[in-house]
Amino acid sequence: QVQLVESGGGLVQAGGSLRLSCVASGSISSIHFLRWYRQAPGKERELVAIITDNGATNYPDYVKGRFTISRDSATSTLYLQMNGLKSEDTGVYYCNAVLRVGAGSLSNRWGQGTQVTVSS
C-alpha cells in the first residue's frame, strides 16, 4: 500500500510563504491523483488543491492565485507552495492520495498532517 508523510509546517506571519512536502512510499504506481486538505480548529476538513496523474491542477477560490500544488515523480514527493498567507489559512494540512484498486475502483490514503499557523 501507499504511505504518506507530510512536513514543512510551522509558524509564519501573515503575508509570508511556506512550502509543504509529502513523501509517498509503497505502491506509488497505484496513485490516481493527489490532493491537499486542511482542517482548522472547530471546522471540517476542506480541499486545498488537486493534481492529477497527468499534471492537471485545480484549486478552490479561497486559495486560488496564492497556493500552487506540484509533484516530483523522481522523489515521489508532493508539494504545496503557499504564498500570501492569511490567518484563516491556519490549520493542519493533510496529504491525500486517491489510489487505483483493482480495475475501476478507488480508495484513499492520508498522511498524518502538518501544522500551519499564520499569525496576524
Protein backbone atom coordinates (compact mmCIF):
# COMPACT_ATOMS: atom_id res chain seq x y z
CA GLN A 1 0.00 0.00 0.00
CA VAL A 2 0.86 3.72 -0.03
CA GLN A 3 2.14 5.65 2.98
CA LEU A 4 2.26 9.46 3.10
CA VAL A 5 4.35 11.67 5.41
CA GLU A 6 3.91 15.46 5.45
CA SER A 7 6.44 18.01 6.61
CA GLY A 8 7.22 21.71 6.30
CA GLY A 9 4.57 23.23 8.53
CA GLY A 10 5.37 25.93 11.03
CA LEU A 11 4.60 29.40 12.34
CA VAL A 12 4.67 32.29 9.86
CA GLN A 13 3.45 35.88 9.80
CA ALA A 14 0.54 36.97 7.63
CA GLY A 15 1.75 37.69 4.11
CA GLY A 16 4.55 35.16 4.39
CA SER A 17 5.22 31.95 2.49
CA LEU A 18 5.60 28.29 3.35
CA ARG A 19 6.29 25.14 1.34
CA LEU A 20 4.80 21.83 2.46
CA SER A 21 6.11 18.44 1.35
CA CYS A 22 4.54 15.00 1.29
CA VAL A 23 6.74 11.97 0.64
CA ALA A 24 4.97 8.89 -0.67
CA SER A 25 6.21 5.33 -0.32
CA GLY A 26 4.89 1.90 -1.17
CA SER A 27 2.86 1.22 -4.30
CA ILE A 28 3.44 4.60 -5.98
CA SER A 29 2.17 3.36 -9.33
CA SER A 30 -1.31 2.92 -7.83
CA ILE A 31 -1.78 6.68 -7.24
CA HIS A 32 -4.50 8.13 -9.46
CA PHE A 33 -4.41 11.73 -8.25
CA LEU A 34 -3.20 13.69 -5.25
CA ARG A 35 -4.81 16.31 -3.03
CA TRP A 36 -4.01 18.65 -0.18
CA TYR A 37 -6.63 19.21 2.51
CA ARG A 38 -6.62 21.33 5.63
CA GLN A 39 -8.59 21.42 8.83
CA ALA A 40 -8.88 24.48 11.05
CA PRO A 41 -9.81 24.15 14.73
CA GLY A 42 -13.52 23.50 15.12
CA LYS A 43 -14.10 23.24 11.36
CA GLU A 44 -14.49 20.44 8.83
CA ARG A 45 -11.62 19.31 6.67
CA GLU A 46 -11.62 21.23 3.38
CA LEU A 47 -9.98 20.77 -0.01
CA VAL A 48 -6.98 22.96 -0.83
CA ALA A 49 -5.65 21.64 -4.15
CA ILE A 50 -5.74 18.71 -6.58
CA ILE A 51 -3.23 17.39 -9.08
CA THR A 52 -3.97 14.51 -11.47
CA ASP A 53 -1.59 11.87 -12.76
CA ASN A 54 -1.18 13.88 -15.99
CA GLY A 55 -0.40 17.12 -14.14
CA ALA A 56 -3.72 18.96 -14.32
CA THR A 57 -4.41 21.11 -11.24
CA ASN A 58 -7.41 22.73 -9.61
CA TYR A 59 -7.96 24.97 -6.58
CA PRO A 60 -10.88 26.33 -4.60
CA ASP A 61 -11.43 30.09 -4.73
CA TYR A 62 -10.09 30.74 -1.24
CA VAL A 63 -6.55 29.69 -2.21
CA LYS A 64 -6.53 30.27 -5.97
CA GLY A 65 -3.69 32.57 -7.00
CA ARG A 66 -1.85 32.07 -3.70
CA PHE A 67 -1.24 28.31 -3.47
CA THR A 68 0.42 26.00 -6.00
CA ILE A 69 0.38 22.19 -5.95
CA SER A 70 3.16 20.29 -7.70
CA ARG A 71 4.88 16.93 -7.66
CA ASP A 72 8.31 15.47 -8.27
CA SER A 73 7.97 11.94 -9.62
CA ALA A 74 11.68 11.22 -9.23
CA THR A 75 11.45 11.59 -5.44
CA SER A 76 7.77 10.62 -5.04
CA THR A 77 7.12 13.96 -3.36
CA LEU A 78 4.05 16.19 -3.46
CA TYR A 79 4.44 19.89 -2.69
CA LEU A 80 2.20 22.76 -1.72
CA GLN A 81 3.71 26.22 -2.14
CA MET A 82 1.74 28.74 -0.10
CA ASN A 83 2.22 32.46 -0.66
CA GLY A 84 0.43 35.47 0.74
CA LEU A 85 -0.64 33.51 3.81
CA LYS A 86 -3.58 34.75 5.84
CA SER A 87 -4.64 33.99 9.38
CA GLU A 88 -7.57 31.97 8.03
CA ASP A 89 -5.07 29.59 6.38
CA THR A 90 -4.18 28.28 9.83
CA GLY A 91 -4.85 24.58 10.30
CA VAL A 92 -3.50 21.08 9.97
CA TYR A 93 -2.62 20.30 6.36
CA TYR A 94 -3.03 16.75 5.09
CA CYS A 95 -1.69 14.98 2.02
CA ASN A 96 -4.21 12.67 0.35
CA ALA A 97 -3.69 10.07 -2.36
CA VAL A 98 -6.56 8.59 -4.35
CA LEU A 99 -5.48 5.12 -5.38
CA ARG A 100 -6.47 2.74 -8.13
CA VAL A 101 -7.53 -0.52 -6.51
CA GLY A 102 -8.13 -3.29 -9.00
CA ALA A 103 -9.95 -2.30 -12.18
CA GLY A 104 -12.02 0.87 -11.89
CA SER A 105 -12.05 1.01 -8.08
CA LEU A 106 -10.58 3.80 -5.92
CA SER A 107 -9.50 4.21 -2.31
CA ASN A 108 -7.99 6.99 -0.17
CA ARG A 109 -4.81 7.20 1.88
CA TRP A 110 -3.94 10.06 4.24
CA GLY A 111 -0.80 11.44 5.81
CA GLN A 112 -0.54 12.33 9.50
CA GLY A 113 -0.81 16.07 8.90
CA THR A 114 1.47 19.04 9.47
CA GLN A 115 0.50 22.15 11.44
CA VAL A 116 0.48 25.55 9.75
CA THR A 117 -0.06 28.58 11.96
CA VAL A 118 -0.31 32.08 10.47
CA SER A 119 -0.08 34.98 12.90
CA SER A 120 -1.71 38.33 12.18
